[in-house]
């Protein structure tokens, strides 16, 4: 049960981190693409 509580406290942080990484990667790709035009 304790593992479940720690997972519940860590999961939102991990999801926010992954979303931030995906957003940053997407923005970098967009900037690179617009520079190529």
PDB file of N, CA and C in Angstrom:
ATOM      1  N   UNK A   1       0.831  -1.200   0.000  1.00  0.00           N
ATOM      2  CA  UNK A   1       0.000   0.000   0.000  1.00  0.00           C
ATOM      3  C   UNK A   1       0.870   1.256   0.000  1.00  0.00           C
ATOM      4  N   UNK A   2       2.002   1.184   0.661  1.00  0.00           N
ATOM      5  CA  UNK A   2       2.885   2.357   0.699  1.00  0.00           C
ATOM      6  C   UNK A   2       3.457   2.640  -0.691  1.00  0.00           C
ATOM      7  N   UNK A   3       3.763   1.571  -1.426  1.00  0.00           N
ATOM      8  CA  UNK A   3       4.283   1.771  -2.781  1.00  0.00           C
ATOM      9  C   UNK A   3       3.244   2.490  -3.638  1.00  0.00           C
ATOM     10  N   UNK A   4       1.979   2.128  -3.418  1.00  0.00           N
ATOM     11  CA  UNK A   4       0.908   2.759  -4.197  1.00  0.00           C
ATOM     12  C   UNK A   4       0.829   4.251  -3.898  1.00  0.00           C
ATOM     13  N   UNK A   5       0.985   4.616  -2.633  1.00  0.00           N
ATOM     14  CA  UNK A   5       0.929   6.042  -2.261  1.00  0.00           C
ATOM     15  C   UNK A   5       2.115   6.797  -2.859  1.00  0.00           C
ATOM     16  N   UNK A   6       3.289   6.190  -2.820  1.00  0.00           N
ATOM     17  CA  UNK A   6       4.451   6.869  -3.404  1.00  0.00           C
ATOM     18  C   UNK A   6       4.272   6.990  -4.912  1.00  0.00           C
ATOM     19  N   UNK A   7       3.675   5.962  -5.531  1.00  0.00           N
ATOM     20  CA  UNK A   7       3.432   6.030  -6.973  1.00  0.00           C
ATOM     21  C   UNK A   7       2.455   7.160  -7.286  1.00  0.00           C
ATOM     22  N   UNK A   8       1.414   7.293  -6.455  1.00  0.00           N
ATOM     23  CA  UNK A   8       0.431   8.361  -6.677  1.00  0.00           C
ATOM     24  C   UNK A   8       1.075   9.731  -6.520  1.00  0.00           C
ATOM     25  N   UNK A   9       2.083   9.843  -5.660  1.00  0.00           N
ATOM     26  CA  UNK A   9       2.727  11.142  -5.469  1.00  0.00           C
ATOM     27  C   UNK A   9       3.760  11.410  -6.562  1.00  0.00           C
ATOM     28  N   UNK A  10       4.307  10.346  -7.151  1.00  0.00           N
ATOM     29  CA  UNK A  10       5.352  10.518  -8.169  1.00  0.00           C
ATOM     30  C   UNK A  10       4.759  10.611  -9.577  1.00  0.00           C
ATOM     31  N   UNK A  11       3.656   9.907  -9.828  1.00  0.00           N
ATOM     32  CA  UNK A  11       3.078   9.852 -11.177  1.00  0.00           C
ATOM     33  C   UNK A  11       2.765  11.233 -11.762  1.00  0.00           C
ATOM     34  N   UNK A  12       2.116  12.144 -11.032  1.00  0.00           N
ATOM     35  CA  UNK A  12       1.841  13.470 -11.620  1.00  0.00           C
ATOM     36  C   UNK A  12       3.116  14.214 -11.996  1.00  0.00           C
ATOM     37  N   UNK A  13       4.142  14.085 -11.163  1.00  0.00           N
ATOM     38  CA  UNK A  13       5.413  14.767 -11.460  1.00  0.00           C
ATOM     39  C   UNK A  13       6.028  14.192 -12.731  1.00  0.00           C
ATOM     40  N   UNK A  14       5.991  12.865 -12.863  1.00  0.00           N
ATOM     41  CA  UNK A  14       6.550  12.230 -14.056  1.00  0.00           C
ATOM     42  C   UNK A  14       5.766  12.631 -15.298  1.00  0.00           C
ATOM     43  N   UNK A  15       4.447  12.685 -15.187  1.00  0.00           N
ATOM     44  CA  UNK A  15       3.638  13.055 -16.350  1.00  0.00           C
ATOM     45  C   UNK A  15       3.906  14.508 -16.739  1.00  0.00           C
ATOM     46  N   UNK A  16       4.048  15.385 -15.754  1.00  0.00           N
ATOM     47  CA  UNK A  16       4.341  16.781 -16.061  1.00  0.00           C
ATOM     48  C   UNK A  16       5.715  16.913 -16.715  1.00  0.00           C
ATOM     49  N   UNK A  17       6.688  16.137 -16.236  1.00  0.00           N
ATOM     50  CA  UNK A  17       8.031  16.178 -16.816  1.00  0.00           C
ATOM     51  C   UNK A  17       8.003  15.692 -18.261  1.00  0.00           C
ATOM     52  N   UNK A  18       7.304  14.583 -18.500  1.00  0.00           N
ATOM     53  CA  UNK A  18       7.257  14.040 -19.857  1.00  0.00           C
ATOM     54  C   UNK A  18       6.528  15.012 -20.784  1.00  0.00           C
ATOM     55  N   UNK A  19       5.478  15.652 -20.280  1.00  0.00           N
ATOM     56  CA  UNK A  19       4.754  16.629 -21.098  1.00  0.00           C
ATOM     57  C   UNK A  19       5.648  17.822 -21.411  1.00  0.00           C
ATOM     58  N   UNK A  20       6.425  18.259 -20.437  1.00  0.00           N
ATOM     59  CA  UNK A  20       7.335  19.377 -20.667  1.00  0.00           C
ATOM     60  C   UNK A  20       8.394  19.029 -21.694  1.00  0.00           C
ATOM     61  N   UNK A  21       8.919  17.812 -21.606  1.00  0.00           N
ATOM     62  CA  UNK A  21       9.933  17.374 -22.572  1.00  0.00           C
ATOM     63  C   UNK A  21       9.328  17.298 -23.968  1.00  0.00           C
ATOM     64  N   UNK A  22       8.116  16.758 -24.069  1.00  0.00           N
ATOM     65  CA  UNK A  22       7.457  16.656 -25.376  1.00  0.00           C
ATOM     66  C   UNK A  22       7.186  18.043 -25.949  1.00  0.00           C
ATOM     67  N   UNK A  23       6.733  18.967 -25.105  1.00  0.00           N
ATOM     68  CA  UNK A  23       6.445  20.323 -25.578  1.00  0.00           C
ATOM     69  C   UNK A  23       7.729  21.007 -26.037  1.00  0.00           C
ATOM     70  N   UNK A  24       8.799  20.860 -25.266  1.00  0.00           N
ATOM     71  CA  UNK A  24      10.074  21.457 -25.650  1.00  0.00           C
ATOM     72  C   UNK A  24      10.595  20.883 -26.953  1.00  0.00           C
ATOM     73  N   UNK A  25      10.474  19.574 -27.110  1.00  0.00           N
ATOM     74  CA  UNK A  25      10.921  18.928 -28.346  1.00  0.00           C
ATOM     75  C   UNK A  25      10.098  19.423 -29.532  1.00  0.00           C
ATOM     76  N   UNK A  26       8.780  19.557 -29.322  1.00  0.00           N
ATOM     77  CA  UNK A  26       7.897  20.034 -30.388  1.00  0.00           C
ATOM     78  C   UNK A  26       8.255  21.456 -30.797  1.00  0.00           C
ATOM     79  N   UNK A  27       8.527  22.310 -29.816  1.00  0.00           N
ATOM     80  CA  UNK A  27       8.880  23.707 -30.105  1.00  0.00           C
ATOM     81  C   UNK A  27      10.215  23.767 -30.849  1.00  0.00           C
ATOM     82  N   UNK A  28      11.169  22.947 -30.423  1.00  0.00           N
ATOM     83  CA  UNK A  28      12.474  22.931 -31.097  1.00  0.00           C
ATOM     84  C   UNK A  28      12.310  22.494 -32.548  1.00  0.00           C
ATOM     85  N   UNK A  29      11.497  21.473 -32.785  1.00  0.00           N
ATOM     86  CA  UNK A  29      11.276  20.990 -34.152  1.00  0.00           C
ATOM     87  C   UNK A  29      10.612  22.073 -34.991  1.00  0.00           C
ATOM     88  N   UNK A  30       9.659  22.808 -34.406  1.00  0.00           N
ATOM     89  CA  UNK A  30       8.981  23.872 -35.147  1.00  0.00           C
ATOM     90  C   UNK A  30       9.966  24.979 -35.510  1.00  0.00           C
ATOM     91  N   UNK A  31      10.824  25.375 -34.569  1.00  0.00           N
ATOM     92  CA  UNK A  31      11.807  26.425 -34.846  1.00  0.00           C
ATOM     93  C   UNK A  31      12.761  25.978 -35.948  1.00  0.00           C
ATOM     94  N   UNK A  32      13.211  24.727 -35.881  1.00  0.00           N
ATOM     95  CA  UNK A  32      14.123  24.204 -36.896  1.00  0.00           C
ATOM     96  C   UNK A  32      13.441  24.183 -38.262  1.00  0.00           C
ATOM     97  N   UNK A  33      12.168  23.782 -38.271  1.00  0.00           N
ATOM     98  CA  UNK A  33      11.431  23.698 -39.531  1.00  0.00           C
ATOM     99  C   UNK A  33      11.257  25.082 -40.148  1.00  0.00           C
ATOM    100  N   UNK A  34      10.939  26.083 -39.311  1.00  0.00           N
ATOM    101  CA  UNK A  34      10.737  27.426 -39.848  1.00  0.00           C
ATOM    102  C   UNK A  34      12.057  28.038 -40.307  1.00  0.00           C
ATOM    103  N   UNK A  35      13.160  27.608 -39.725  1.00  0.00           N
ATOM    104  CA  UNK A  35      14.460  28.106 -40.189  1.00  0.00           C
ATOM    105  C   UNK A  35      14.798  27.509 -41.553  1.00  0.00           C
ATOM    106  N   UNK A  36      14.308  26.301 -41.816  1.00  0.00           N
ATOM    107  CA  UNK A  36      14.603  25.643 -43.088  1.00  0.00           C
ATOM    108  C   UNK A  36      13.850  26.298 -44.242  1.00  0.00           C
ATOM    109  N   UNK A  37      12.706  26.906 -43.963  1.00  0.00           N
ATOM    110  CA  UNK A  37      11.898  27.502 -45.037  1.00  0.00           C
ATOM    111  C   UNK A  37      12.616  28.674 -45.701  1.00  0.00           C
TER     112      UNK A  37
END
